[in-house]
Amino acid sequence: MTAGDYIARIVDVPDHGIRLEPAPDSTTPEQANEVNLLGLAVALALGSAGYHHHPEPRDPELQTLDALLAGEVTMPWLSEDPAGETTYIVCESTSTGAPKCRVEQRQL
């Protein structure tokens, strides 16, 4: 893991979606633009991995990107295959500043 990387375990919350549990040495951005870029990269990786939105709408006042990345809220994403104990979202910083994320099975 290098500076600027974000890794979080995907925790399934039945009937509500998922919660991200960041690894202790994950970097969560502080600038609004960087938070938005990471949130978009996470959403694209989840979509590519077969996750889809739960029918329950998101509460925009409570379920913010900051809270999602910090692991404080559940977001309405579901998978056909619920995440196991070792399913993670792995985001690496790139030279362009935009993170690149993927969903993978991993041991930390």
C-alpha atoms as a PDB file:
ATOM      1  CA  MET A   1       0.000   0.000   0.000  1.00  0.00           C
ATOM      2  CA  THR A   2       1.356   3.408  -0.937  1.00  0.00           C
ATOM      3  CA  ALA A   3       0.436   6.891   0.242  1.00  0.00           C
ATOM      4  CA  GLY A   4      -2.901   7.931  -1.236  1.00  0.00           C
ATOM      5  CA  ASP A   5      -4.264   4.387  -1.544  1.00  0.00           C
ATOM      6  CA  TYR A   6      -7.676   3.455  -0.144  1.00  0.00           C
ATOM      7  CA  ILE A   7      -8.564  -0.125   0.773  1.00  0.00           C
ATOM      8  CA  ALA A   8     -11.735  -1.139   2.566  1.00  0.00           C
ATOM      9  CA  ARG A   9     -13.465  -4.423   3.344  1.00  0.00           C
ATOM     10  CA  ILE A  10     -16.972  -4.608   1.877  1.00  0.00           C
ATOM     11  CA  VAL A  11     -19.416  -5.540   4.643  1.00  0.00           C
ATOM     12  CA  ASP A  12     -22.898  -6.693   3.614  1.00  0.00           C
ATOM     13  CA  VAL A  13     -25.713  -5.270   5.721  1.00  0.00           C
ATOM     14  CA  PRO A  14     -28.773  -7.442   4.985  1.00  0.00           C
ATOM     15  CA  ASP A  15     -31.706  -5.592   3.403  1.00  0.00           C
ATOM     16  CA  HIS A  16     -29.808  -2.272   3.407  1.00  0.00           C
ATOM     17  CA  GLY A  17     -26.723  -2.590   1.208  1.00  0.00           C
ATOM     18  CA  ILE A  18     -23.047  -2.403   2.090  1.00  0.00           C
ATOM     19  CA  ARG A  19     -20.753  -0.579   4.474  1.00  0.00           C
ATOM     20  CA  LEU A  20     -17.076  -0.019   3.771  1.00  0.00           C
ATOM     21  CA  GLU A  21     -14.618  -0.837   6.547  1.00  0.00           C
ATOM     22  CA  PRO A  22     -11.374   1.017   5.688  1.00  0.00           C
ATOM     23  CA  ALA A  23      -8.048  -0.688   6.406  1.00  0.00           C
ATOM     24  CA  PRO A  24      -6.135   1.052   9.223  1.00  0.00           C
ATOM     25  CA  ASP A  25      -3.540   2.502   6.845  1.00  0.00           C
ATOM     26  CA  SER A  26      -6.016   3.614   4.145  1.00  0.00           C
ATOM     27  CA  THR A  27      -5.916   7.225   3.090  1.00  0.00           C
ATOM     28  CA  THR A  28      -9.265   8.998   2.923  1.00  0.00           C
ATOM     29  CA  PRO A  29      -9.099  12.296   1.030  1.00  0.00           C
ATOM     30  CA  GLU A  30     -10.064  15.544   2.715  1.00  0.00           C
ATOM     31  CA  GLN A  31     -10.584  17.843  -0.285  1.00  0.00           C
ATOM     32  CA  ALA A  32     -14.138  17.771  -1.702  1.00  0.00           C
ATOM     33  CA  ASN A  33     -12.964  17.185  -5.285  1.00  0.00           C
ATOM     34  CA  GLU A  34     -10.762  14.237  -4.217  1.00  0.00           C
ATOM     35  CA  VAL A  35     -13.614  12.763  -2.149  1.00  0.00           C
ATOM     36  CA  ASN A  36     -15.896  12.999  -5.191  1.00  0.00           C
ATOM     37  CA  LEU A  37     -13.302  11.377  -7.471  1.00  0.00           C
ATOM     38  CA  LEU A  38     -12.758   8.507  -5.032  1.00  0.00           C
ATOM     39  CA  GLY A  39     -16.511   8.070  -4.522  1.00  0.00           C
ATOM     40  CA  LEU A  40     -17.042   7.906  -8.292  1.00  0.00           C
ATOM     41  CA  ALA A  41     -14.183   5.413  -8.712  1.00  0.00           C
ATOM     42  CA  VAL A  42     -15.649   3.244  -5.915  1.00  0.00           C
ATOM     43  CA  ALA A  43     -19.114   3.349  -7.543  1.00  0.00           C
ATOM     44  CA  LEU A  44     -17.692   2.413 -10.960  1.00  0.00           C
ATOM     45  CA  ALA A  45     -15.724  -0.508  -9.471  1.00  0.00           C
ATOM     46  CA  LEU A  46     -18.786  -1.760  -7.586  1.00  0.00           C
ATOM     47  CA  GLY A  47     -20.882  -1.556 -10.765  1.00  0.00           C
ATOM     48  CA  SER A  48     -18.225  -3.420 -12.748  1.00  0.00           C
ATOM     49  CA  ALA A  49     -18.160  -6.126 -10.072  1.00  0.00           C
ATOM     50  CA  GLY A  50     -21.909  -6.755 -10.384  1.00  0.00           C
ATOM     51  CA  TYR A  51     -23.225  -4.587  -7.561  1.00  0.00           C
ATOM     52  CA  HIS A  52     -26.458  -2.689  -8.172  1.00  0.00           C
ATOM     53  CA  HIS A  53     -28.529  -0.171  -6.231  1.00  0.00           C
ATOM     54  CA  HIS A  54     -30.870  -1.492  -3.546  1.00  0.00           C
ATOM     55  CA  PRO A  55     -34.439  -0.220  -4.069  1.00  0.00           C
ATOM     56  CA  GLU A  56     -34.217   1.723  -0.793  1.00  0.00           C
ATOM     57  CA  PRO A  57     -33.309   5.330  -1.666  1.00  0.00           C
ATOM     58  CA  ARG A  58     -30.178   6.919  -0.249  1.00  0.00           C
ATOM     59  CA  ASP A  59     -30.616   9.597   2.440  1.00  0.00           C
ATOM     60  CA  PRO A  60     -28.425  12.417   1.046  1.00  0.00           C
ATOM     61  CA  GLU A  61     -28.212  14.196   4.418  1.00  0.00           C
ATOM     62  CA  LEU A  62     -26.819  11.162   6.252  1.00  0.00           C
ATOM     63  CA  GLN A  63     -25.322   8.977   3.537  1.00  0.00           C
ATOM     64  CA  THR A  64     -22.592  11.276   2.243  1.00  0.00           C
ATOM     65  CA  LEU A  65     -19.462  10.236   0.370  1.00  0.00           C
ATOM     66  CA  ASP A  66     -17.317  11.314   3.340  1.00  0.00           C
ATOM     67  CA  ALA A  67     -19.331   9.068   5.674  1.00  0.00           C
ATOM     68  CA  LEU A  68     -19.268   6.174   3.169  1.00  0.00           C
ATOM     69  CA  LEU A  69     -15.486   6.294   2.760  1.00  0.00           C
ATOM     70  CA  ALA A  70     -15.009   6.577   6.539  1.00  0.00           C
ATOM     71  CA  GLY A  71     -17.154   3.458   7.063  1.00  0.00           C
ATOM     72  CA  GLU A  72     -19.815   5.303   9.057  1.00  0.00           C
ATOM     73  CA  VAL A  73     -22.892   4.613   6.905  1.00  0.00           C
ATOM     74  CA  THR A  74     -24.524   1.885   4.857  1.00  0.00           C
ATOM     75  CA  MET A  75     -25.041   2.626   1.198  1.00  0.00           C
ATOM     76  CA  PRO A  76     -27.708   1.035  -1.021  1.00  0.00           C
ATOM     77  CA  TRP A  77     -25.531  -1.307  -3.085  1.00  0.00           C
ATOM     78  CA  LEU A  78     -26.241  -5.020  -3.363  1.00  0.00           C
ATOM     79  CA  SER A  79     -24.509  -7.892  -5.081  1.00  0.00           C
ATOM     80  CA  GLU A  80     -25.905 -11.075  -6.548  1.00  0.00           C
ATOM     81  CA  ASP A  81     -23.129 -12.739  -4.554  1.00  0.00           C
ATOM     82  CA  PRO A  82     -22.951 -11.167  -1.071  1.00  0.00           C
ATOM     83  CA  ALA A  83     -19.433 -10.062  -0.121  1.00  0.00           C
ATOM     84  CA  GLY A  84     -17.433 -12.570   1.848  1.00  0.00           C
ATOM     85  CA  GLU A  85     -15.065 -11.907   4.707  1.00  0.00           C
ATOM     86  CA  THR A  86     -12.256 -11.126   2.274  1.00  0.00           C
ATOM     87  CA  THR A  87     -13.970  -8.947  -0.345  1.00  0.00           C
ATOM     88  CA  TYR A  88     -12.355  -5.528  -0.613  1.00  0.00           C
ATOM     89  CA  ILE A  89     -12.533  -2.381  -2.658  1.00  0.00           C
ATOM     90  CA  VAL A  90      -8.948  -1.497  -3.596  1.00  0.00           C
ATOM     91  CA  CYS A  91      -8.217   2.004  -4.890  1.00  0.00           C
ATOM     92  CA  GLU A  92      -4.794   3.137  -5.987  1.00  0.00           C
ATOM     93  CA  SER A  93      -3.743   6.685  -6.714  1.00  0.00           C
ATOM     94  CA  THR A  94      -2.581   7.372 -10.266  1.00  0.00           C
ATOM     95  CA  SER A  95      -0.300   9.955 -11.821  1.00  0.00           C
ATOM     96  CA  THR A  96      -3.359  11.875 -13.089  1.00  0.00           C
ATOM     97  CA  GLY A  97      -4.722  12.218  -9.556  1.00  0.00           C
ATOM     98  CA  ALA A  98      -7.840  10.170 -10.324  1.00  0.00           C
ATOM     99  CA  PRO A  99      -7.949   6.942  -8.297  1.00  0.00           C
ATOM    100  CA  LYS A 100      -8.392   3.578  -9.992  1.00  0.00           C
ATOM    101  CA  CYS A 101     -10.503   1.086  -8.016  1.00  0.00           C
ATOM    102  CA  ARG A 102     -11.380  -2.583  -8.265  1.00  0.00           C
ATOM    103  CA  VAL A 103     -13.199  -5.173  -6.171  1.00  0.00           C
ATOM    104  CA  GLU A 104     -11.093  -8.181  -5.202  1.00  0.00           C
ATOM    105  CA  GLN A 105     -10.700 -11.041  -2.796  1.00  0.00           C
ATOM    106  CA  ARG A 106      -7.699 -10.402  -0.580  1.00  0.00           C
ATOM    107  CA  GLN A 107      -6.104 -11.142   2.762  1.00  0.00           C
ATOM    108  CA  LEU A 108      -4.847  -8.153   4.711  1.00  0.00           C
END
